[in-house]
Protein backbone atom coordinates (compact mmCIF):
# COMPACT_ATOMS: atom_id res chain seq x y z
CA MET A 1 -8.68 -18.59 14.90
CA ARG A 2 -11.86 -18.97 12.86
CA PHE A 3 -13.46 -15.53 12.76
CA VAL A 4 -12.36 -12.12 11.50
CA ASP A 5 -12.72 -10.44 14.89
CA GLU A 6 -10.06 -12.77 16.29
CA TYR A 7 -7.59 -11.21 13.88
CA ARG A 8 -8.50 -7.77 15.26
CA ASP A 9 -8.30 -8.58 18.96
CA PRO A 10 -7.03 -5.45 20.79
CA GLN A 11 -5.25 -7.35 23.55
CA ALA A 12 -3.39 -9.58 21.10
CA ALA A 13 -2.43 -6.48 19.10
CA LYS A 14 -1.06 -4.78 22.23
CA GLU A 15 1.04 -7.82 23.04
CA LEU A 16 2.45 -7.93 19.53
CA ILE A 17 3.24 -4.20 19.57
CA VAL A 18 5.12 -4.60 22.87
CA ALA A 19 7.08 -7.51 21.40
CA ILE A 20 7.88 -5.50 18.27
CA LYS A 21 9.09 -2.53 20.29
CA ARG A 22 11.26 -4.80 22.43
CA LEU A 23 12.82 -6.37 19.34
CA SER A 24 13.26 -2.99 17.65
CA ASP A 25 15.01 -1.54 20.69
CA ARG A 26 17.27 -4.57 20.87
CA LEU A 27 18.26 -4.27 17.22
CA GLY A 28 18.94 -0.55 17.62
CA ARG A 29 18.51 0.40 13.97
CA LYS A 30 15.84 1.59 11.57
CA LEU A 31 14.34 -1.07 9.31
CA ARG A 32 12.26 -0.41 6.18
CA PHE A 33 9.83 -3.11 5.09
CA MET A 34 8.00 -2.98 1.76
CA GLU A 35 4.41 -4.18 1.82
CA VAL A 36 4.11 -5.49 -1.71
CA CYS A 37 0.33 -5.67 -1.88
CA GLY A 38 -2.01 -2.69 -1.86
CA GLY A 39 -4.39 -4.67 0.33
CA HIS A 40 -1.74 -4.56 3.05
CA THR A 41 -1.36 -0.80 2.58
CA HIS A 42 -5.07 -0.27 3.21
CA THR A 43 -5.04 -2.47 6.31
CA ILE A 44 -2.05 -0.57 7.68
CA TYR A 45 -3.65 2.84 7.27
CA ARG A 46 -7.24 1.90 7.95
CA HIS A 47 -6.24 0.56 11.36
CA GLY A 48 -3.48 3.07 12.06
CA LEU A 49 -0.76 0.43 12.40
CA GLU A 50 1.96 2.80 11.24
CA GLN A 51 1.24 5.02 14.25
CA LEU A 52 1.31 2.11 16.71
CA LEU A 53 4.71 0.78 15.73
CA PRO A 54 8.05 2.26 16.88
CA GLU A 55 9.58 4.91 14.64
CA ALA A 56 12.43 2.53 13.85
CA VAL A 57 9.99 0.43 11.77
CA GLU A 58 8.92 2.04 8.51
CA PHE A 59 6.52 0.79 5.85
CA VAL A 60 7.38 1.35 2.18
CA HIS A 61 4.71 0.92 -0.48
CA GLY A 62 5.25 -1.56 -3.31
CA PRO A 63 3.98 -2.36 -6.82
CA GLY A 64 1.34 -4.94 -5.87
CA CYS A 65 -1.77 -2.92 -6.74
CA PRO A 66 -2.96 -4.55 -9.99
CA VAL A 67 -4.94 -1.54 -11.15
CA CYS A 68 -2.25 0.99 -10.27
CA VAL A 69 0.49 -0.61 -12.38
CA ILE A 70 -1.50 -0.43 -15.63
CA PRO A 71 -0.05 2.44 -17.71
CA MET A 72 -2.20 5.09 -19.31
CA GLY A 73 -1.62 3.69 -22.80
CA ARG A 74 -3.30 0.41 -21.95
CA VAL A 75 -6.31 2.29 -20.55
CA ASP A 76 -6.43 4.27 -23.80
CA ASP A 77 -6.44 0.96 -25.70
CA ALA A 78 -9.43 -0.16 -23.63
CA LEU A 79 -11.20 3.11 -24.39
CA TRP A 80 -10.51 2.52 -28.09
CA LEU A 81 -12.02 -0.97 -27.84
CA ALA A 82 -15.09 0.41 -26.08
CA ALA A 83 -15.61 2.83 -28.96
CA GLN A 84 -15.66 0.13 -31.66
CA PRO A 85 -19.06 -0.57 -33.27
CA GLY A 86 -20.88 -3.54 -31.80
CA VAL A 87 -18.51 -3.99 -28.86
CA ILE A 88 -19.52 -4.52 -25.24
CA LEU A 89 -16.50 -3.88 -23.04
CA THR A 90 -16.54 -5.55 -19.62
CA THR A 91 -14.15 -5.17 -16.71
CA PHE A 92 -13.90 -5.10 -12.93
CA GLY A 93 -15.46 -2.12 -11.21
CA ASP A 94 -12.20 -0.61 -9.99
CA MET A 95 -11.03 -0.13 -13.60
CA MET A 96 -14.04 2.02 -14.49
CA ARG A 97 -12.61 5.25 -13.07
CA VAL A 98 -8.94 4.77 -13.94
CA PRO A 99 -7.84 7.74 -16.05
CA GLY A 100 -6.22 7.29 -19.41
CA GLY A 101 -4.89 10.11 -21.55
CA HIS A 102 -6.56 13.48 -21.03
CA LYS A 103 -8.07 12.03 -17.80
CA ALA A 104 -10.65 10.08 -19.82
CA SER A 105 -12.03 6.95 -18.15
CA LEU A 106 -14.29 4.02 -19.00
CA LEU A 107 -16.96 5.51 -16.76
CA GLN A 108 -16.91 8.67 -18.87
CA ALA A 109 -17.00 6.56 -22.04
CA GLN A 110 -20.05 4.77 -20.66
CA ALA A 111 -21.72 8.12 -19.91
CA ALA A 112 -21.01 9.19 -23.49
CA GLY A 113 -22.82 6.16 -24.88
CA ALA A 114 -20.29 3.32 -25.05
CA ASP A 115 -21.54 -0.05 -23.84
CA VAL A 116 -19.18 -0.56 -20.90
CA ARG A 117 -20.25 -2.90 -18.11
CA PHE A 118 -18.52 -3.85 -14.88
CA VAL A 119 -18.57 -7.50 -13.87
CA TYR A 120 -17.59 -9.45 -10.77
CA SER A 121 -15.96 -12.26 -12.73
CA PRO A 122 -14.80 -12.92 -16.30
CA LEU A 123 -17.39 -15.70 -16.34
CA ASP A 124 -20.01 -12.93 -16.09
CA ALA A 125 -18.52 -11.45 -19.26
CA LEU A 126 -18.77 -14.82 -20.99
CA LYS A 127 -22.45 -15.01 -20.06
CA ILE A 128 -22.99 -11.55 -21.55
CA ALA A 129 -21.39 -12.85 -24.77
CA ARG A 130 -23.69 -15.88 -24.85
CA ASP A 131 -26.71 -13.64 -24.21
CA ASN A 132 -25.67 -11.23 -27.00
CA PRO A 133 -24.51 -13.41 -29.92
CA ASP A 134 -24.73 -10.47 -32.35
CA ARG A 135 -22.25 -8.39 -30.30
CA GLN A 136 -18.53 -8.70 -29.64
CA VAL A 137 -17.85 -8.90 -25.88
CA VAL A 138 -14.37 -7.99 -24.65
CA PHE A 139 -13.16 -8.62 -21.12
CA PHE A 140 -10.56 -6.05 -19.99
CA ALA A 141 -8.50 -8.39 -17.80
CA VAL A 142 -6.17 -7.04 -15.11
CA GLY A 143 -4.39 -8.48 -12.12
CA PHE A 144 -1.48 -10.55 -10.95
CA GLU A 145 -1.43 -14.34 -10.63
CA THR A 146 -4.31 -13.93 -8.17
CA THR A 147 -6.94 -13.16 -10.83
CA SER A 148 -5.23 -14.69 -13.88
CA PRO A 149 -6.61 -18.21 -13.19
CA SER A 150 -10.22 -16.99 -13.35
CA THR A 151 -9.53 -15.51 -16.77
CA ALA A 152 -7.86 -18.76 -17.82
CA VAL A 153 -10.89 -20.78 -16.69
CA THR A 154 -13.16 -18.47 -18.69
CA VAL A 155 -11.10 -18.79 -21.87
CA VAL A 156 -11.15 -22.59 -21.56
CA GLN A 157 -14.92 -22.46 -21.05
CA ALA A 158 -15.40 -20.20 -24.07
CA ASP A 159 -13.37 -22.65 -26.14
CA ARG A 160 -15.37 -25.64 -24.88
CA LEU A 161 -18.71 -23.93 -25.57
CA GLY A 162 -17.63 -22.52 -28.92
CA VAL A 163 -18.39 -18.91 -27.95
CA GLU A 164 -16.72 -17.00 -30.76
CA ASN A 165 -17.93 -13.48 -29.89
CA PHE A 166 -15.90 -13.37 -26.68
CA SER A 167 -12.33 -12.13 -26.35
CA VAL A 168 -9.88 -10.99 -23.68
CA PHE A 169 -7.80 -7.82 -23.59
CA SER A 170 -5.13 -9.27 -21.35
CA ASN A 171 -3.29 -7.04 -18.93
CA HIS A 172 -2.41 -9.80 -16.50
CA VAL A 173 1.04 -9.44 -14.99
CA LEU A 174 3.45 -11.45 -12.87
CA ILE A 175 4.67 -10.53 -9.39
CA ARG A 176 8.34 -11.51 -9.61
CA PRO A 177 9.53 -9.22 -12.46
CA PRO A 178 8.62 -5.88 -10.83
CA LEU A 179 10.21 -6.97 -7.54
CA GLU A 180 13.35 -7.94 -9.44
CA ALA A 181 13.28 -4.55 -11.18
CA ILE A 182 12.97 -2.67 -7.88
CA LEU A 183 15.68 -4.71 -6.18
CA GLY A 184 17.94 -4.39 -9.22
CA THR A 185 18.00 -0.61 -9.23
CA GLY A 186 19.98 -0.40 -6.00
CA GLY A 187 18.63 3.05 -5.23
CA LEU A 188 15.94 2.00 -2.75
CA GLN A 189 17.07 0.95 0.72
CA LEU A 190 14.92 -1.97 1.90
CA ASP A 191 15.37 -4.41 4.77
CA GLY A 192 12.64 -6.92 4.01
CA PHE A 193 9.25 -7.61 2.50
CA ILE A 194 5.71 -8.15 3.73
CA GLY A 195 4.84 -10.64 1.01
CA PRO A 196 1.60 -10.68 -1.02
CA GLY A 197 -0.69 -13.26 0.53
CA HIS A 198 -3.28 -13.41 -2.25
CA VAL A 199 -0.73 -13.94 -5.02
CA ALA A 200 0.99 -16.57 -2.89
CA THR A 201 -2.22 -18.61 -2.67
CA VAL A 202 -1.61 -19.34 -6.36
CA VAL A 203 2.18 -19.28 -6.80
CA GLY A 204 3.08 -20.53 -3.30
CA SER A 205 5.48 -19.21 -0.68
CA ASP A 206 8.44 -21.00 -2.29
CA HIS A 207 8.01 -18.72 -5.32
CA PHE A 208 9.63 -15.91 -3.31
CA ARG A 209 12.83 -17.73 -2.36
CA PHE A 210 14.71 -15.60 -4.88
CA ILE A 211 14.45 -12.61 -2.54
CA PRO A 212 16.60 -14.04 0.28
CA ALA A 213 18.66 -16.25 -2.04
CA GLU A 214 19.60 -13.59 -4.61
CA HIS A 215 19.08 -10.32 -2.75
CA GLY A 216 19.81 -11.19 0.87
CA LEU A 217 16.51 -9.88 2.27
CA PRO A 218 13.89 -11.68 4.39
CA ILE A 219 10.25 -11.94 3.36
CA VAL A 220 7.17 -13.00 5.28
CA ILE A 221 4.10 -14.03 3.26
CA THR A 222 1.31 -12.24 5.08
CA GLY A 223 -2.47 -12.18 5.50
CA PHE A 224 -4.59 -9.06 5.42
CA GLU A 225 -5.93 -8.52 8.92
CA PRO A 226 -4.22 -6.18 11.43
CA LEU A 227 -2.83 -9.02 13.53
CA ASP A 228 -1.47 -10.68 10.39
CA ILE A 229 0.61 -7.63 9.56
CA LEU A 230 1.78 -7.07 13.14
CA GLN A 231 2.84 -10.71 13.35
CA ALA A 232 4.69 -10.38 10.04
CA VAL A 233 6.64 -7.39 11.37
CA ASP A 234 7.48 -9.39 14.50
CA MET A 235 8.67 -12.30 12.32
CA LEU A 236 10.85 -10.03 10.18
CA LEU A 237 12.45 -8.45 13.24
CA SER A 238 12.99 -11.91 14.72
CA GLN A 239 14.88 -12.95 11.59
CA TYR A 240 17.23 -10.01 12.08
CA ARG A 241 17.63 -10.85 15.75
CA ASP A 242 18.47 -14.46 14.94
CA GLY A 243 20.72 -13.69 11.98
CA ARG A 244 18.37 -15.47 9.57
CA CYS A 245 17.29 -14.49 6.05
CA GLU A 246 14.53 -16.64 4.61
CA VAL A 247 10.97 -16.94 3.38
CA GLU A 248 8.48 -17.39 6.20
CA ASN A 249 4.77 -18.06 5.76
CA GLN A 250 2.60 -16.18 8.25
CA TYR A 251 -0.45 -16.86 6.04
CA ALA A 252 -0.18 -20.65 6.39
CA ARG A 253 -3.94 -20.94 6.90
CA VAL A 254 -4.30 -20.20 3.18
CA VAL A 255 -0.88 -20.40 1.47
CA LEU A 256 0.98 -23.63 0.70
CA PRO A 257 4.69 -23.81 -0.20
CA GLY A 258 3.92 -24.95 -3.74
CA GLY A 259 0.79 -22.86 -4.24
CA ASN A 260 -2.22 -24.12 -6.18
CA PRO A 261 -1.08 -26.77 -8.70
CA GLU A 262 -4.31 -26.73 -10.73
CA ALA A 263 -4.27 -22.93 -11.04
CA LEU A 264 -0.62 -23.00 -12.10
CA ARG A 265 -1.37 -25.71 -14.66
CA LEU A 266 -4.17 -23.59 -16.13
CA LEU A 267 -1.92 -20.54 -16.35
CA GLY A 268 0.66 -22.58 -18.22
CA GLU A 269 -1.96 -23.90 -20.62
CA VAL A 270 -3.85 -20.69 -21.45
CA PHE A 271 -1.16 -18.00 -21.25
CA THR A 272 2.26 -17.34 -22.63
CA LEU A 273 4.79 -14.75 -21.47
CA ARG A 274 4.98 -11.57 -23.51
CA GLU A 275 8.45 -10.54 -24.61
CA THR A 276 7.92 -7.30 -22.71
CA PHE A 277 5.14 -5.39 -20.97
CA GLU A 278 4.86 -1.78 -19.87
CA TRP A 279 4.42 -0.97 -16.17
CA ARG A 280 3.52 2.35 -14.64
CA GLY A 281 6.62 3.65 -12.87
CA LEU A 282 8.89 0.83 -14.05
CA GLY A 283 8.73 1.11 -17.83
CA TYR A 284 9.02 -1.99 -19.98
CA ILE A 285 9.96 -5.19 -18.15
CA PRO A 286 10.77 -8.34 -20.13
CA LEU A 287 8.64 -11.46 -19.59
CA SER A 288 6.41 -9.70 -17.07
CA GLY A 289 2.97 -9.95 -18.68
CA TYR A 290 0.64 -12.67 -19.89
CA GLY A 291 -0.65 -12.96 -23.43
CA LEU A 292 -2.82 -15.79 -24.73
CA ALA A 293 -1.05 -18.97 -25.81
CA PRO A 294 -1.27 -19.93 -29.53
CA ARG A 295 -4.02 -22.48 -28.88
CA TYR A 296 -6.31 -19.73 -27.56
CA GLN A 297 -5.23 -16.75 -29.64
CA ARG A 298 -8.59 -16.52 -31.38
CA PHE A 299 -9.83 -15.12 -28.04
CA ASP A 300 -7.16 -12.40 -28.02
CA ALA A 301 -8.84 -9.00 -28.39
CA GLU A 302 -5.58 -7.35 -29.42
CA ARG A 303 -5.40 -9.64 -32.47
CA ARG A 304 -9.10 -9.66 -33.22
CA PHE A 305 -9.43 -5.87 -33.30
CA GLN A 306 -5.89 -4.85 -34.21
CA VAL A 307 -5.66 -2.68 -31.09
CA PRO A 308 -3.47 0.34 -31.86
CA GLY A 309 -1.19 -0.14 -28.86
CA ARG A 310 -1.19 3.49 -27.82
CA ARG A 311 1.51 4.70 -25.49
CA GLN A 312 0.72 7.65 -23.29
CA ALA A 313 3.05 9.35 -20.83
CA ASP A 314 1.73 9.93 -17.34
CA HIS A 315 0.25 13.30 -16.50
CA PRO A 316 3.27 15.54 -15.78
CA ALA A 317 1.96 16.32 -12.29
CA CYS A 318 1.26 12.69 -11.38
CA GLN A 319 3.90 10.81 -9.38
CA CYS A 320 2.14 7.45 -9.11
CA GLY A 321 5.17 5.70 -10.54
CA LEU A 322 7.37 6.90 -7.70
CA VAL A 323 4.75 5.87 -5.13
CA LEU A 324 4.45 2.40 -6.66
CA THR A 325 8.19 1.82 -6.49
CA GLY A 326 8.56 3.00 -2.90
CA GLN A 327 10.48 6.15 -3.78
CA LEU A 328 7.78 8.55 -2.63
CA LYS A 329 5.11 8.66 0.05
CA PRO A 330 1.66 9.60 -1.28
CA TRP A 331 1.51 12.84 0.69
CA GLU A 332 4.81 13.89 -0.92
CA CYS A 333 3.22 13.92 -4.38
CA ARG A 334 2.76 17.53 -5.46
CA VAL A 335 -0.92 17.04 -6.38
CA PHE A 336 -1.99 14.73 -3.53
CA GLY A 337 -5.30 15.91 -2.05
CA LYS A 338 -5.20 19.03 -4.21
CA GLY A 339 -5.40 18.42 -7.94
CA CYS A 340 -5.77 14.68 -7.34
CA THR A 341 -8.56 13.28 -5.16
CA PRO A 342 -10.71 10.11 -5.34
CA GLU A 343 -13.53 12.16 -6.84
CA ASP A 344 -11.27 13.72 -9.49
CA PRO A 345 -8.16 11.52 -9.80
CA ILE A 346 -5.13 12.16 -11.93
CA GLY A 347 -3.34 8.90 -11.19
CA THR A 348 -4.31 5.30 -10.58
CA CYS A 349 -3.02 5.21 -7.00
CA MET A 350 -5.86 7.53 -6.00
CA VAL A 351 -8.52 5.44 -7.77
CA SER A 352 -7.96 1.82 -6.88
CA PRO A 353 -9.27 0.28 -3.64
CA GLU A 354 -5.70 -0.98 -3.24
CA GLY A 355 -3.96 2.29 -4.16
CA ALA A 356 -1.60 3.80 -1.60
CA CYS A 357 -2.80 7.36 -2.27
CA ALA A 358 -6.42 6.32 -1.75
CA ALA A 359 -5.44 4.70 1.56
CA TYR A 360 -3.79 7.87 2.82
CA PHE A 361 -6.63 10.07 1.60
CA ASN A 362 -9.59 7.95 2.68
CA TYR A 363 -8.41 7.13 6.17
CA GLY A 364 -7.27 10.65 6.99
CA ARG A 365 -3.98 9.66 8.60
CA LEU A 366 -0.71 11.21 7.63
CA HIS A 367 2.75 9.90 8.18
CA ARG A 368 4.52 11.46 11.17
CA GLU A 369 6.78 13.47 8.90
CA ALA A 370 3.81 14.86 6.97
CA ALA A 371 2.17 16.50 9.94
CA ALA A 372 4.33 19.61 9.76
CA ALA A 373 3.83 19.97 6.01
CA PHE A 374 0.04 19.95 6.41
CA ALA A 375 -0.08 22.00 9.60
């Protein structure tokens, strides 16, 4: 397959759905698979895959949306940085509307006069710093191991060029710790994982061996087209049929077992693990976030500006944390589609292009069990 439309072929999808139903009937039990990445969630609901599969196969949403897992306090810290004299705050576009405390956002700060700019790459932020030598340019960095290497490259470039008015407010996080936290609680019944394909391009499929080895659950590293996800479900069911429990790589056209060695080397050079980092819905998780290594700490915005480190509890009506940890479906949140919409969000899951709530809302499909509640 070379083109996107081949991954959306209706006939191939029908054949996979028939195979999945046959396997599901043979197994004779309900199986719950967590799609770790928010990109998978949007593919599932954009294309209505949850309605095509047998009822015995259920999708559970996971913590792989990089914007959604950032707690309100870190957004408030970014707002504080944006308010400092002489600062240009830069970030990706999907962070602009994420609410902090009192529902304030960077977009609102920009409207009020703060110099906040969205960029497509941290290298764009570095260029802004070089073009504005009399200003301090801060890059509000978010994302898992997928986007961390681009920040690392930018920091190395800033060091090489001697750009001293550039710094990074690092909110980069790692994928393994939140999965360990979810699996360690014991309260969520899961039967397998649809693994995050984009993260795996960096860390590799072998990175996820801990899931079958330590938790006895299968995982299939998966691409982001409809046929990718259907094939992953078929592969997971086949593992149950065969009595296997292992890591399988459906996304082999992109993902290697050992990942991207150069990207991993850069991460090890530029970053160091924080002792702890706060996650929305999961609290503080040890060794789960990236800070800048000592060699590059002069580019650390938290040190340069003495960021206050504000901590802000979620809005009492928002249940994003429960959605992110698979304990709640978006439509079960008490403010979903009412007090919380993409135009006026309360929580991050309704803002991000990878947020589960945004997927449910934007594509207008409700889970089978929600139909009666909204009738």
